[in-house]
PDB file of N, CA and C in Angstrom:
ATOM      1  N   UNK A   1     132.787 102.188 102.691  1.00  0.00           N
ATOM      2  CA  UNK A   1     131.792 101.910 103.712  1.00  0.00           C
ATOM      3  C   UNK A   1     132.177 100.622 104.411  1.00  0.00           C
ATOM      4  N   UNK A   2     131.982 100.620 105.685  1.00  0.00           N
ATOM      5  CA  UNK A   2     132.319  99.403 106.414  1.00  0.00           C
ATOM      6  C   UNK A   2     131.263  98.338 106.152  1.00  0.00           C
ATOM      7  N   UNK A   3     131.716  97.102 106.047  1.00  0.00           N
ATOM      8  CA  UNK A   3     130.800  95.987 105.819  1.00  0.00           C
ATOM      9  C   UNK A   3     129.794  95.893 106.959  1.00  0.00           C
ATOM     10  N   UNK A   4     130.235  96.241 108.166  1.00  0.00           N
ATOM     11  CA  UNK A   4     129.357  96.188 109.327  1.00  0.00           C
ATOM     12  C   UNK A   4     128.172  97.149 109.165  1.00  0.00           C
ATOM     13  N   UNK A   5     128.423  98.364 108.672  1.00  0.00           N
ATOM     14  CA  UNK A   5     127.344  99.328 108.476  1.00  0.00           C
ATOM     15  C   UNK A   5     126.374  98.834 107.412  1.00  0.00           C
ATOM     16  N   UNK A   6     126.897  98.298 106.328  1.00  0.00           N
ATOM     17  CA  UNK A   6     126.034  97.765 105.276  1.00  0.00           C
ATOM     18  C   UNK A   6     125.184  96.617 105.816  1.00  0.00           C
ATOM     19  N   UNK A   7     125.788  95.731 106.590  1.00  0.00           N
ATOM     20  CA  UNK A   7     125.057  94.618 107.199  1.00  0.00           C
ATOM     21  C   UNK A   7     123.986  95.130 108.167  1.00  0.00           C
ATOM     22  N   UNK A   8     124.353  96.133 108.969  1.00  0.00           N
ATOM     23  CA  UNK A   8     123.413  96.707 109.941  1.00  0.00           C
ATOM     24  C   UNK A   8     122.203  97.291 109.241  1.00  0.00           C
ATOM     25  N   UNK A   9     122.432  98.077 108.198  1.00  0.00           N
ATOM     26  CA  UNK A   9     121.317  98.706 107.492  1.00  0.00           C
ATOM     27  C   UNK A   9     120.471  97.676 106.750  1.00  0.00           C
ATOM     28  N   UNK A  10     121.107  96.668 106.172  1.00  0.00           N
ATOM     29  CA  UNK A  10     120.347  95.597 105.534  1.00  0.00           C
ATOM     30  C   UNK A  10     119.472  94.869 106.533  1.00  0.00           C
ATOM     31  N   UNK A  11     120.013  94.612 107.709  1.00  0.00           N
ATOM     32  CA  UNK A  11     119.243  93.947 108.766  1.00  0.00           C
ATOM     33  C   UNK A  11     118.083  94.820 109.237  1.00  0.00           C
ATOM     34  N   UNK A  12     118.314  96.126 109.356  1.00  0.00           N
ATOM     35  CA  UNK A  12     117.243  97.042 109.764  1.00  0.00           C
ATOM     36  C   UNK A  12     116.140  97.119 108.707  1.00  0.00           C
ATOM     37  N   UNK A  13     116.524  97.140 107.435  1.00  0.00           N
ATOM     38  CA  UNK A  13     115.524  97.127 106.357  1.00  0.00           C
ATOM     39  C   UNK A  13     114.645  95.886 106.491  1.00  0.00           C
ATOM     40  N   UNK A  14     115.278  94.741 106.672  1.00  0.00           N
ATOM     41  CA  UNK A  14     114.533  93.480 106.789  1.00  0.00           C
ATOM     42  C   UNK A  14     113.668  93.461 108.053  1.00  0.00           C
ATOM     43  N   UNK A  15     114.220  93.951 109.159  1.00  0.00           N
ATOM     44  CA  UNK A  15     113.459  93.976 110.413  1.00  0.00           C
ATOM     45  C   UNK A  15     112.215  94.847 110.282  1.00  0.00           C
ATOM     46  N   UNK A  16     112.351  95.971 109.593  1.00  0.00           N
ATOM     47  CA  UNK A  16     111.217  96.878 109.395  1.00  0.00           C
ATOM     48  C   UNK A  16     110.109  96.183 108.610  1.00  0.00           C
ATOM     49  N   UNK A  17     110.454  95.571 107.487  1.00  0.00           N
ATOM     50  CA  UNK A  17     109.425  94.935 106.667  1.00  0.00           C
ATOM     51  C   UNK A  17     108.882  93.668 107.318  1.00  0.00           C
ATOM     52  N   UNK A  18     109.713  92.939 108.046  1.00  0.00           N
ATOM     53  CA  UNK A  18     109.224  91.784 108.808  1.00  0.00           C
ATOM     54  C   UNK A  18     108.221  92.242 109.870  1.00  0.00           C
ATOM     55  N   UNK A  19     108.523  93.354 110.534  1.00  0.00           N
ATOM     56  CA  UNK A  19     107.615  93.892 111.554  1.00  0.00           C
ATOM     57  C   UNK A  19     106.301  94.350 110.919  1.00  0.00           C
ATOM     58  N   UNK A  20     106.384  94.966 109.738  1.00  0.00           N
ATOM     59  CA  UNK A  20     105.171  95.384 109.024  1.00  0.00           C
ATOM     60  C   UNK A  20     104.295  94.179 108.716  1.00  0.00           C
ATOM     61  N   UNK A  21     104.900  93.126 108.159  1.00  0.00           N
ATOM     62  CA  UNK A  21     104.150  91.908 107.812  1.00  0.00           C
ATOM     63  C   UNK A  21     103.487  91.329 109.064  1.00  0.00           C
ATOM     64  N   UNK A  22     104.207  91.364 110.187  1.00  0.00           N
ATOM     65  CA  UNK A  22     103.697  90.794 111.442  1.00  0.00           C
ATOM     66  C   UNK A  22     102.733  91.733 112.172  1.00  0.00           C
ATOM     67  N   UNK A  23     102.578  92.972 111.679  1.00  0.00           N
ATOM     68  CA  UNK A  23     101.727  93.940 112.372  1.00  0.00           C
ATOM     69  C   UNK A  23     102.342  94.422 113.674  1.00  0.00           C
ATOM     70  N   UNK A  24     103.671  94.387 113.761  1.00  0.00           N
ATOM     71  CA  UNK A  24     104.398  94.762 114.977  1.00  0.00           C
ATOM     72  C   UNK A  24     104.655  96.270 114.982  1.00  0.00           C
ATOM     73  N   UNK A  25     103.685  97.008 115.464  1.00  0.00           N
ATOM     74  CA  UNK A  25     103.745  98.472 115.485  1.00  0.00           C
ATOM     75  C   UNK A  25     104.913  98.982 116.324  1.00  0.00           C
ATOM     76  N   UNK A  26     105.207  98.323 117.429  1.00  0.00           N
ATOM     77  CA  UNK A  26     106.274  98.766 118.327  1.00  0.00           C
ATOM     78  C   UNK A  26     107.638  98.750 117.638  1.00  0.00           C
ATOM     79  N   UNK A  27     107.945  97.668 116.941  1.00  0.00           N
ATOM     80  CA  UNK A  27     109.224  97.595 116.231  1.00  0.00           C
ATOM     81  C   UNK A  27     109.274  98.623 115.111  1.00  0.00           C
ATOM     82  N   UNK A  28     108.193  98.756 114.362  1.00  0.00           N
ATOM     83  CA  UNK A  28     108.153  99.774 113.302  1.00  0.00           C
ATOM     84  C   UNK A  28     108.378 101.164 113.881  1.00  0.00           C
ATOM     85  N   UNK A  29     107.745 101.468 114.991  1.00  0.00           N
ATOM     86  CA  UNK A  29     107.881 102.794 115.619  1.00  0.00           C
ATOM     87  C   UNK A  29     109.313 103.057 116.057  1.00  0.00           C
ATOM     88  N   UNK A  30     110.004 102.023 116.482  1.00  0.00           N
ATOM     89  CA  UNK A  30     111.397 102.181 116.912  1.00  0.00           C
ATOM     90  C   UNK A  30     112.326 102.430 115.712  1.00  0.00           C
ATOM     91  N   UNK A  31     112.037 101.813 114.582  1.00  0.00           N
ATOM     92  CA  UNK A  31     112.880 101.939 113.396  1.00  0.00           C
ATOM     93  C   UNK A  31     112.649 103.270 112.682  1.00  0.00           C
ATOM     94  N   UNK A  32     111.415 103.757 112.676  1.00  0.00           N
ATOM     95  CA  UNK A  32     111.094 105.014 112.014  1.00  0.00           C
ATOM     96  C   UNK A  32     111.440 106.194 112.918  1.00  0.00           C
ATOM     97  N   UNK A  33     112.138 107.184 112.360  1.00  0.00           N
ATOM     98  CA  UNK A  33     112.423 108.410 113.098  1.00  0.00           C
ATOM     99  C   UNK A  33     111.127 109.194 113.272  1.00  0.00           C
ATOM    100  N   UNK A  34     111.081 110.038 114.296  1.00  0.00           N
ATOM    101  CA  UNK A  34     109.876 110.831 114.531  1.00  0.00           C
ATOM    102  C   UNK A  34     109.554 111.742 113.351  1.00  0.00           C
ATOM    103  N   UNK A  35     110.583 112.146 112.587  1.00  0.00           N
ATOM    104  CA  UNK A  35     110.364 113.023 111.438  1.00  0.00           C
ATOM    105  C   UNK A  35     110.292 112.256 110.113  1.00  0.00           C
ATOM    106  N   UNK A  36     110.006 110.944 110.172  1.00  0.00           N
ATOM    107  CA  UNK A  36     109.876 110.102 108.987  1.00  0.00           C
ATOM    108  C   UNK A  36     108.760 110.606 108.077  1.00  0.00           C
ATOM    109  N   UNK A  37     109.008 110.530 106.755  1.00  0.00           N
ATOM    110  CA  UNK A  37     107.994 110.820 105.740  1.00  0.00           C
ATOM    111  C   UNK A  37     108.097 109.766 104.639  1.00  0.00           C
ATOM    112  N   UNK A  38     106.954 109.199 104.275  1.00  0.00           N
ATOM    113  CA  UNK A  38     106.859 108.262 103.164  1.00  0.00           C
ATOM    114  C   UNK A  38     106.260 108.979 101.969  1.00  0.00           C
ATOM    115  N   UNK A  39     106.911 108.874 100.833  1.00  0.00           N
ATOM    116  CA  UNK A  39     106.334 109.276  99.553  1.00  0.00           C
ATOM    117  C   UNK A  39     105.924 107.967  98.897  1.00  0.00           C
ATOM    118  N   UNK A  40     104.639 107.651  98.947  1.00  0.00           N
ATOM    119  CA  UNK A  40     104.199 106.322  98.542  1.00  0.00           C
ATOM    120  C   UNK A  40     104.063 106.207  97.031  1.00  0.00           C
ATOM    121  N   UNK A  41     104.109 104.967  96.578  1.00  0.00           N
ATOM    122  CA  UNK A  41     103.903 104.680  95.165  1.00  0.00           C
ATOM    123  C   UNK A  41     102.480 105.027  94.731  1.00  0.00           C
ATOM    124  N   UNK A  42     101.594 105.219  95.690  1.00  0.00           N
ATOM    125  CA  UNK A  42     100.210 105.621  95.400  1.00  0.00           C
ATOM    126  C   UNK A  42     100.044 107.133  95.407  1.00  0.00           C
ATOM    127  N   UNK A  43     101.148 107.872  95.555  1.00  0.00           N
ATOM    128  CA  UNK A  43     101.097 109.325  95.465  1.00  0.00           C
ATOM    129  C   UNK A  43     100.703 110.032  96.747  1.00  0.00           C
ATOM    130  N   UNK A  44     100.900 109.378  97.887  1.00  0.00           N
ATOM    131  CA  UNK A  44     100.555 109.993  99.167  1.00  0.00           C
ATOM    132  C   UNK A  44     101.825 110.332  99.938  1.00  0.00           C
ATOM    133  N   UNK A  45     101.761 111.394 100.713  1.00  0.00           N
ATOM    134  CA  UNK A  45     102.799 111.716 101.688  1.00  0.00           C
ATOM    135  C   UNK A  45     102.260 111.314 103.047  1.00  0.00           C
ATOM    136  N   UNK A  46     103.043 110.515 103.785  1.00  0.00           N
ATOM    137  CA  UNK A  46     102.593 110.042 105.085  1.00  0.00           C
ATOM    138  C   UNK A  46     103.673 110.277 106.123  1.00  0.00           C
ATOM    139  N   UNK A  47     103.283 110.786 107.282  1.00  0.00           N
ATOM    140  CA  UNK A  47     104.195 110.937 108.410  1.00  0.00           C
ATOM    141  C   UNK A  47     104.337 109.596 109.122  1.00  0.00           C
ATOM    142  N   UNK A  48     105.217 109.559 110.091  1.00  0.00           N
ATOM    143  CA  UNK A  48     105.388 108.350 110.896  1.00  0.00           C
ATOM    144  C   UNK A  48     104.061 107.918 111.517  1.00  0.00           C
ATOM    145  N   UNK A  49     103.386 108.846 112.188  1.00  0.00           N
ATOM    146  CA  UNK A  49     102.132 108.490 112.856  1.00  0.00           C
ATOM    147  C   UNK A  49     101.082 108.006 111.863  1.00  0.00           C
ATOM    148  N   UNK A  50     101.006 108.645 110.693  1.00  0.00           N
ATOM    149  CA  UNK A  50     100.046 108.203 109.681  1.00  0.00           C
ATOM    150  C   UNK A  50     100.385 106.809 109.173  1.00  0.00           C
ATOM    151  N   UNK A  51     101.678 106.547 108.954  1.00  0.00           N
ATOM    152  CA  UNK A  51     102.085 105.225 108.471  1.00  0.00           C
ATOM    153  C   UNK A  51     101.769 104.163 109.525  1.00  0.00           C
ATOM    154  N   UNK A  52     102.088 104.450 110.783  1.00  0.00           N
ATOM    155  CA  UNK A  52     101.812 103.486 111.843  1.00  0.00           C
ATOM    156  C   UNK A  52     100.314 103.225 111.978  1.00  0.00           C
ATOM    157  N   UNK A  53      99.501 104.274 111.845  1.00  0.00           N
ATOM    158  CA  UNK A  53      98.051 104.104 111.913  1.00  0.00           C
ATOM    159  C   UNK A  53      97.516 103.305 110.726  1.00  0.00           C
ATOM    160  N   UNK A  54      98.207 103.374 109.592  1.00  0.00           N
ATOM    161  CA  UNK A  54      97.755 102.691 108.377  1.00  0.00           C
ATOM    162  C   UNK A  54      98.120 101.213 108.347  1.00  0.00           C
ATOM    163  N   UNK A  55      98.938 100.757 109.286  1.00  0.00           N
ATOM    164  CA  UNK A  55      99.361  99.351 109.282  1.00  0.00           C
ATOM    165  C   UNK A  55      98.156  98.412 109.197  1.00  0.00           C
ATOM    166  N   UNK A  56      97.062  98.771 109.852  1.00  0.00           N
ATOM    167  CA  UNK A  56      95.879  97.903 109.854  1.00  0.00           C
ATOM    168  C   UNK A  56      95.259  97.774 108.467  1.00  0.00           C
ATOM    169  N   UNK A  57      95.358  98.819 107.634  1.00  0.00           N
ATOM    170  CA  UNK A  57      94.736  98.765 106.304  1.00  0.00           C
ATOM    171  C   UNK A  57      95.729  98.387 105.203  1.00  0.00           C
ATOM    172  N   UNK A  58      97.033  98.336 105.545  1.00  0.00           N
ATOM    173  CA  UNK A  58      98.062  97.917 104.588  1.00  0.00           C
ATOM    174  C   UNK A  58      98.488  96.514 105.008  1.00  0.00           C
ATOM    175  N   UNK A  59      97.871  95.529 104.393  1.00  0.00           N
ATOM    176  CA  UNK A  59      98.074  94.147 104.809  1.00  0.00           C
ATOM    177  C   UNK A  59      99.154  93.510 103.935  1.00  0.00           C
ATOM    178  N   UNK A  60     100.259  93.145 104.569  1.00  0.00           N
ATOM    179  CA  UNK A  60     101.343  92.496 103.843  1.00  0.00           C
ATOM    180  C   UNK A  60     101.327  90.995 104.064  1.00  0.00           C
ATOM    181  N   UNK A  61     101.415  90.248 102.977  1.00  0.00           N
ATOM    182  CA  UNK A  61     101.506  88.793 103.058  1.00  0.00           C
ATOM    183  C   UNK A  61     102.952  88.326 102.947  1.00  0.00           C
ATOM    184  N   UNK A  62     103.712  88.979 102.067  1.00  0.00           N
ATOM    185  CA  UNK A  62     105.117  88.622 101.903  1.00  0.00           C
ATOM    186  C   UNK A  62     105.874  89.820 101.352  1.00  0.00           C
ATOM    187  N   UNK A  63     107.168  89.834 101.633  1.00  0.00           N
ATOM    188  CA  UNK A  63     108.042  90.903 101.161  1.00  0.00           C
ATOM    189  C   UNK A  63     109.403  90.283 100.928  1.00  0.00           C
ATOM    190  N   UNK A  64     109.914  90.417  99.696  1.00  0.00           N
ATOM    191  CA  UNK A  64     111.193  89.802  99.345  1.00  0.00           C
ATOM    192  C   UNK A  64     112.105  90.856  98.729  1.00  0.00           C
ATOM    193  N   UNK A  65     113.351  90.848  99.177  1.00  0.00           N
ATOM    194  CA  UNK A  65     114.367  91.762  98.659  1.00  0.00           C
ATOM    195  C   UNK A  65     115.045  91.097  97.467  1.00  0.00           C
ATOM    196  N   UNK A  66     115.015  91.729  96.304  1.00  0.00           N
ATOM    197  CA  UNK A  66     115.723  91.226  95.133  1.00  0.00           C
ATOM    198  C   UNK A  66     117.137  91.800  95.063  1.00  0.00           C
ATOM    199  N   UNK A  67     117.261  93.050  95.466  1.00  0.00           N
ATOM    200  CA  UNK A  67     118.567  93.718  95.420  1.00  0.00           C
ATOM    201  C   UNK A  67     118.562  94.870  96.419  1.00  0.00           C
ATOM    202  N   UNK A  68     119.687  95.031  97.123  1.00  0.00           N
ATOM    203  CA  UNK A  68     119.863  96.157  98.054  1.00  0.00           C
ATOM    204  C   UNK A  68     121.236  96.753  97.794  1.00  0.00           C
ATOM    205  N   UNK A  69     121.273  98.071  97.633  1.00  0.00           N
ATOM    206  CA  UNK A  69     122.538  98.799  97.508  1.00  0.00           C
ATOM    207  C   UNK A  69     122.561  99.889  98.556  1.00  0.00           C
ATOM    208  N   UNK A  70     123.599  99.893  99.378  1.00  0.00           N
ATOM    209  CA  UNK A  70     123.744 100.850 100.461  1.00  0.00           C
ATOM    210  C   UNK A  70     124.862 101.826 100.111  1.00  0.00           C
ATOM    211  N   UNK A  71     124.559 103.124 100.230  1.00  0.00           N
ATOM    212  CA  UNK A  71     125.556 104.174 100.001  1.00  0.00           C
ATOM    213  C   UNK A  71     125.644 105.011 101.272  1.00  0.00           C
ATOM    214  N   UNK A  72     126.841 105.100 101.837  1.00  0.00           N
ATOM    215  CA  UNK A  72     127.058 105.777 103.115  1.00  0.00           C
ATOM    216  C   UNK A  72     127.673 107.147 102.890  1.00  0.00           C
ATOM    217  N   UNK A  73     127.110 108.161 103.562  1.00  0.00           N
ATOM    218  CA  UNK A  73     127.595 109.537 103.518  1.00  0.00           C
ATOM    219  C   UNK A  73     127.722 110.039 104.956  1.00  0.00           C
ATOM    220  N   UNK A  74     128.744 109.576 105.661  1.00  0.00           N
ATOM    221  CA  UNK A  74     128.907 109.951 107.069  1.00  0.00           C
ATOM    222  C   UNK A  74     127.812 109.328 107.908  1.00  0.00           C
ATOM    223  N   UNK A  75     127.006 110.179 108.544  1.00  0.00           N
ATOM    224  CA  UNK A  75     125.913 109.704 109.398  1.00  0.00           C
ATOM    225  C   UNK A  75     124.593 109.586 108.651  1.00  0.00           C
ATOM    226  N   UNK A  76     124.663 109.601 107.329  1.00  0.00           N
ATOM    227  CA  UNK A  76     123.480 109.429 106.478  1.00  0.00           C
ATOM    228  C   UNK A  76     123.768 108.290 105.502  1.00  0.00           C
ATOM    229  N   UNK A  77     122.779 107.461 105.273  1.00  0.00           N
ATOM    230  CA  UNK A  77     122.911 106.383 104.292  1.00  0.00           C
ATOM    231  C   UNK A  77     121.682 106.378 103.400  1.00  0.00           C
ATOM    232  N   UNK A  78     121.904 106.122 102.125  1.00  0.00           N
ATOM    233  CA  UNK A  78     120.827 105.967 101.169  1.00  0.00           C
ATOM    234  C   UNK A  78     120.810 104.499 100.745  1.00  0.00           C
ATOM    235  N   UNK A  79     119.658 103.874 100.876  1.00  0.00           N
ATOM    236  CA  UNK A  79     119.510 102.466 100.526  1.00  0.00           C
ATOM    237  C   UNK A  79     118.551 102.367  99.348  1.00  0.00           C
ATOM    238  N   UNK A  80     119.070 101.876  98.226  1.00  0.00           N
ATOM    239  CA  UNK A  80     118.274 101.653  97.023  1.00  0.00           C
ATOM    240  C   UNK A  80     117.962 100.161  96.954  1.00  0.00           C
ATOM    241  N   UNK A  81     116.723  99.830  96.628  1.00  0.00           N
ATOM    242  CA  UNK A  81     116.392  98.409  96.555  1.00  0.00           C
ATOM    243  C   UNK A  81     115.306  98.136  95.525  1.00  0.00           C
ATOM    244  N   UNK A  82     115.294  96.878  95.103  1.00  0.00           N
ATOM    245  CA  UNK A  82     114.221  96.356  94.260  1.00  0.00           C
ATOM    246  C   UNK A  82     113.601  95.222  95.070  1.00  0.00           C
ATOM    247  N   UNK A  83     112.289  95.247  95.172  1.00  0.00           N
ATOM    248  CA  UNK A  83     111.590  94.296  96.035  1.00  0.00           C
ATOM    249  C   UNK A  83     110.372  93.713  95.315  1.00  0.00           C
ATOM    250  N   UNK A  84     109.887  92.634  95.887  1.00  0.00           N
ATOM    251  CA  UNK A  84     108.624  92.048  95.447  1.00  0.00           C
ATOM    252  C   UNK A  84     107.767  91.853  96.689  1.00  0.00           C
ATOM    253  N   UNK A  85     106.500  92.238  96.577  1.00  0.00           N
ATOM    254  CA  UNK A  85     105.614  92.072  97.728  1.00  0.00           C
ATOM    255  C   UNK A  85     104.265  91.542  97.280  1.00  0.00           C
ATOM    256  N   UNK A  86     103.613  90.872  98.216  1.00  0.00           N
ATOM    257  CA  UNK A  86     102.196  90.517  98.087  1.00  0.00           C
ATOM    258  C   UNK A  86     101.511  91.268  99.205  1.00  0.00           C
ATOM    259  N   UNK A  87     100.614  92.177  98.816  1.00  0.00           N
ATOM    260  CA  UNK A  87      99.983  93.034  99.814  1.00  0.00           C
ATOM    261  C   UNK A  87      98.679  93.594  99.272  1.00  0.00           C
ATOM    262  N   UNK A  88      97.885  94.124 100.187  1.00  0.00           N
ATOM    263  CA  UNK A  88      96.681  94.847  99.791  1.00  0.00           C
ATOM    264  C   UNK A  88      96.594  96.114 100.632  1.00  0.00           C
ATOM    265  N   UNK A  89      96.027  97.135 100.018  1.00  0.00           N
ATOM    266  CA  UNK A  89      95.834  98.422 100.687  1.00  0.00           C
ATOM    267  C   UNK A  89      94.348  98.721 100.644  1.00  0.00           C
ATOM    268  N   UNK A  90      93.735  98.816 101.807  1.00  0.00           N
ATOM    269  CA  UNK A  90      92.289  99.071 101.917  1.00  0.00           C
ATOM    270  C   UNK A  90      91.493  98.111 101.032  1.00  0.00           C
ATOM    271  N   UNK A  91      91.903  96.832 101.031  1.00  0.00           N
ATOM    272  CA  UNK A  91      91.188  95.813 100.288  1.00  0.00           C
ATOM    273  C   UNK A  91      91.544  95.710  98.813  1.00  0.00           C
ATOM    274  N   UNK A  92      92.404  96.579  98.305  1.00  0.00           N
ATOM    275  CA  UNK A  92      92.813  96.523  96.897  1.00  0.00           C
ATOM    276  C   UNK A  92      94.184  95.871  96.785  1.00  0.00           C
ATOM    277  N   UNK A  93      94.338  94.994  95.771  1.00  0.00           N
ATOM    278  CA  UNK A  93      95.610  94.314  95.564  1.00  0.00           C
ATOM    279  C   UNK A  93      96.703  95.334  95.274  1.00  0.00           C
ATOM    280  N   UNK A  94      97.822  95.208  95.968  1.00  0.00           N
ATOM    281  CA  UNK A  94      98.961  96.098  95.777  1.00  0.00           C
ATOM    282  C   UNK A  94     100.229  95.245  95.760  1.00  0.00           C
ATOM    283  N   UNK A  95     100.132  94.154  94.998  1.00  0.00           N
ATOM    284  CA  UNK A  95     101.252  93.227  94.874  1.00  0.00           C
ATOM    285  C   UNK A  95     102.068  93.584  93.643  1.00  0.00           C
ATOM    286  N   UNK A  96     103.338  93.204  93.663  1.00  0.00           N
ATOM    287  CA  UNK A  96     104.184  93.420  92.502  1.00  0.00           C
ATOM    288  C   UNK A  96     105.604  93.739  92.885  1.00  0.00           C
ATOM    289  N   UNK A  97     106.360  94.211  91.890  1.00  0.00           N
ATOM    290  CA  UNK A  97     107.762  94.614  92.087  1.00  0.00           C
ATOM    291  C   UNK A  97     107.808  96.131  92.266  1.00  0.00           C
ATOM    292  N   UNK A  98     108.669  96.567  93.181  1.00  0.00           N
ATOM    293  CA  UNK A  98     108.798  97.985  93.484  1.00  0.00           C
ATOM    294  C   UNK A  98     110.271  98.376  93.568  1.00  0.00           C
ATOM    295  N   UNK A  99     110.537  99.639  93.310  1.00  0.00           N
ATOM    296  CA  UNK A  99     111.821 100.244  93.620  1.00  0.00           C
ATOM    297  C   UNK A  99     111.614 101.100  94.858  1.00  0.00           C
ATOM    298  N   UNK A 100     112.531 100.998  95.812  1.00  0.00           N
ATOM    299  CA  UNK A 100     112.449 101.787  97.043  1.00  0.00           C
ATOM    300  C   UNK A 100     113.753 102.541  97.246  1.00  0.00           C
ATOM    301  N   UNK A 101     113.635 103.745  97.753  1.00  0.00           N
ATOM    302  CA  UNK A 101     114.797 104.511  98.186  1.00  0.00           C
ATOM    303  C   UNK A 101     114.524 104.945  99.621  1.00  0.00           C
ATOM    304  N   UNK A 102     115.364 104.471 100.539  1.00  0.00           N
ATOM    305  CA  UNK A 102     115.240 104.815 101.952  1.00  0.00           C
ATOM    306  C   UNK A 102     116.439 105.650 102.368  1.00  0.00           C
ATOM    307  N   UNK A 103     116.190 106.652 103.194  1.00  0.00           N
ATOM    308  CA  UNK A 103     117.257 107.476 103.751  1.00  0.00           C
ATOM    309  C   UNK A 103     117.305 107.209 105.251  1.00  0.00           C
ATOM    310  N   UNK A 104     118.479 106.804 105.716  1.00  0.00           N
ATOM    311  CA  UNK A 104     118.710 106.481 107.121  1.00  0.00           C
ATOM    312  C   UNK A 104     119.669 107.510 107.718  1.00  0.00           C
ATOM    313  N   UNK A 105     119.453 107.867 108.973  1.00  0.00           N
ATOM    314  CA  UNK A 105     120.319 108.803 109.685  1.00  0.00           C
ATOM    315  C   UNK A 105     120.781 108.133 110.973  1.00  0.00           C
ATOM    316  N   UNK A 106     122.088 108.243 111.228  1.00  0.00           N
ATOM    317  CA  UNK A 106     122.631 107.731 112.491  1.00  0.00           C
ATOM    318  C   UNK A 106     122.631 108.874 113.490  1.00  0.00           C
ATOM    319  N   UNK A 107     121.943 108.656 114.580  1.00  0.00           N
ATOM    320  CA  UNK A 107     121.880 109.629 115.677  1.00  0.00           C
ATOM    321  C   UNK A 107     122.446 108.915 116.896  1.00  0.00           C
ATOM    322  N   UNK A 108     123.671 109.301 117.263  1.00  0.00           N
ATOM    323  CA  UNK A 108     124.377 108.565 118.304  1.00  0.00           C
ATOM    324  C   UNK A 108     124.768 107.215 117.751  1.00  0.00           C
ATOM    325  N   UNK A 109     124.367 106.154 118.407  1.00  0.00           N
ATOM    326  CA  UNK A 109     124.670 104.796 117.955  1.00  0.00           C
ATOM    327  C   UNK A 109     123.505 104.140 117.226  1.00  0.00           C
ATOM    328  N   UNK A 110     122.414 104.899 117.016  1.00  0.00           N
ATOM    329  CA  UNK A 110     121.188 104.328 116.472  1.00  0.00           C
ATOM    330  C   UNK A 110     120.920 104.831 115.055  1.00  0.00           C
ATOM    331  N   UNK A 111     120.623 103.898 114.154  1.00  0.00           N
ATOM    332  CA  UNK A 111     120.176 104.243 112.809  1.00  0.00           C
ATOM    333  C   UNK A 111     118.655 104.232 112.779  1.00  0.00           C
ATOM    334  N   UNK A 112     118.061 105.274 112.177  1.00  0.00           N
ATOM    335  CA  UNK A 112     116.615 105.307 111.963  1.00  0.00           C
ATOM    336  C   UNK A 112     116.344 105.779 110.544  1.00  0.00           C
ATOM    337  N   UNK A 113     115.250 105.285 109.976  1.00  0.00           N
ATOM    338  CA  UNK A 113     114.862 105.709 108.633  1.00  0.00           C
ATOM    339  C   UNK A 113     114.059 107.001 108.742  1.00  0.00           C
ATOM    340  N   UNK A 114     114.438 107.992 107.922  1.00  0.00           N
ATOM    341  CA  UNK A 114     113.755 109.289 107.929  1.00  0.00           C
ATOM    342  C   UNK A 114     112.894 109.487 106.689  1.00  0.00           C
ATOM    343  N   UNK A 115     113.139 108.688 105.648  1.00  0.00           N
ATOM    344  CA  UNK A 115     112.395 108.880 104.414  1.00  0.00           C
ATOM    345  C   UNK A 115     112.366 107.596 103.600  1.00  0.00           C
ATOM    346  N   UNK A 116     111.219 107.340 102.977  1.00  0.00           N
ATOM    347  CA  UNK A 116     111.099 106.258 101.987  1.00  0.00           C
ATOM    348  C   UNK A 116     110.342 106.813 100.799  1.00  0.00           C
ATOM    349  N   UNK A 117     110.876 106.500  99.614  1.00  0.00           N
ATOM    350  CA  UNK A 117     110.178 106.809  98.372  1.00  0.00           C
ATOM    351  C   UNK A 117     109.958 105.501  97.643  1.00  0.00           C
ATOM    352  N   UNK A 118     108.715 105.222  97.281  1.00  0.00           N
ATOM    353  CA  UNK A 118     108.397 103.992  96.581  1.00  0.00           C
ATOM    354  C   UNK A 118     107.928 104.268  95.164  1.00  0.00           C
ATOM    355  N   UNK A 119     108.350 103.420  94.233  1.00  0.00           N
ATOM    356  CA  UNK A 119     107.911 103.488  92.850  1.00  0.00           C
ATOM    357  C   UNK A 119     107.402 102.106  92.450  1.00  0.00           C
ATOM    358  N   UNK A 120     106.203 102.060  91.892  1.00  0.00           N
ATOM    359  CA  UNK A 120     105.673 100.791  91.437  1.00  0.00           C
ATOM    360  C   UNK A 120     104.195 100.682  91.731  1.00  0.00           C
ATOM    361  N   UNK A 121     103.612  99.545  91.437  1.00  0.00           N
ATOM    362  CA  UNK A 121     104.302  98.361  90.965  1.00  0.00           C
ATOM    363  C   UNK A 121     104.851  98.571  89.549  1.00  0.00           C
ATOM    364  N   UNK A 122     106.003  97.928  89.307  1.00  0.00           N
ATOM    365  CA  UNK A 122     106.672  98.030  88.032  1.00  0.00           C
ATOM    366  C   UNK A 122     105.963  97.129  87.017  1.00  0.00           C
ATOM    367  N   UNK A 123     105.969  97.533  85.747  1.00  0.00           N
ATOM    368  CA  UNK A 123     105.372  96.651  84.738  1.00  0.00           C
ATOM    369  C   UNK A 123     106.159  95.359  84.613  1.00  0.00           C
ATOM    370  N   UNK A 124     105.486  94.308  84.243  1.00  0.00           N
ATOM    371  CA  UNK A 124     106.154  93.020  84.044  1.00  0.00           C
ATOM    372  C   UNK A 124     107.129  93.157  82.881  1.00  0.00           C
ATOM    373  N   UNK A 125     108.315  92.578  83.038  1.00  0.00           N
ATOM    374  CA  UNK A 125     109.351  92.669  81.983  1.00  0.00           C
ATOM    375  C   UNK A 125     109.058  91.770  80.830  1.00  0.00           C
TER     376      UNK A 125
END
């Protein structure tokens, strides 16, 4: 995998979560593909439109990447990560460590995320 692609995808991951924390719906909408689906750690399946609509009730205070591993398969990339976040969902604390798996697809010159699967919060070690 080219270092440039790994850097690009890492930057896009960070831009997405930075936009979420900032409530920047426009940037999130640009990063998410129209056919995006989230399999949430809370057991919900959410489309792009549902996720964008939920930004108001999913309040992020901080998001930190502990580890990111990028695996490239042509025009598809799988990004595995371990993260820590401080957040609340509909007023309930949803802070902790999570494992995330994101699938990115390159369409032309643009990478967009088509899927995220979240696991957590993880138990304290």
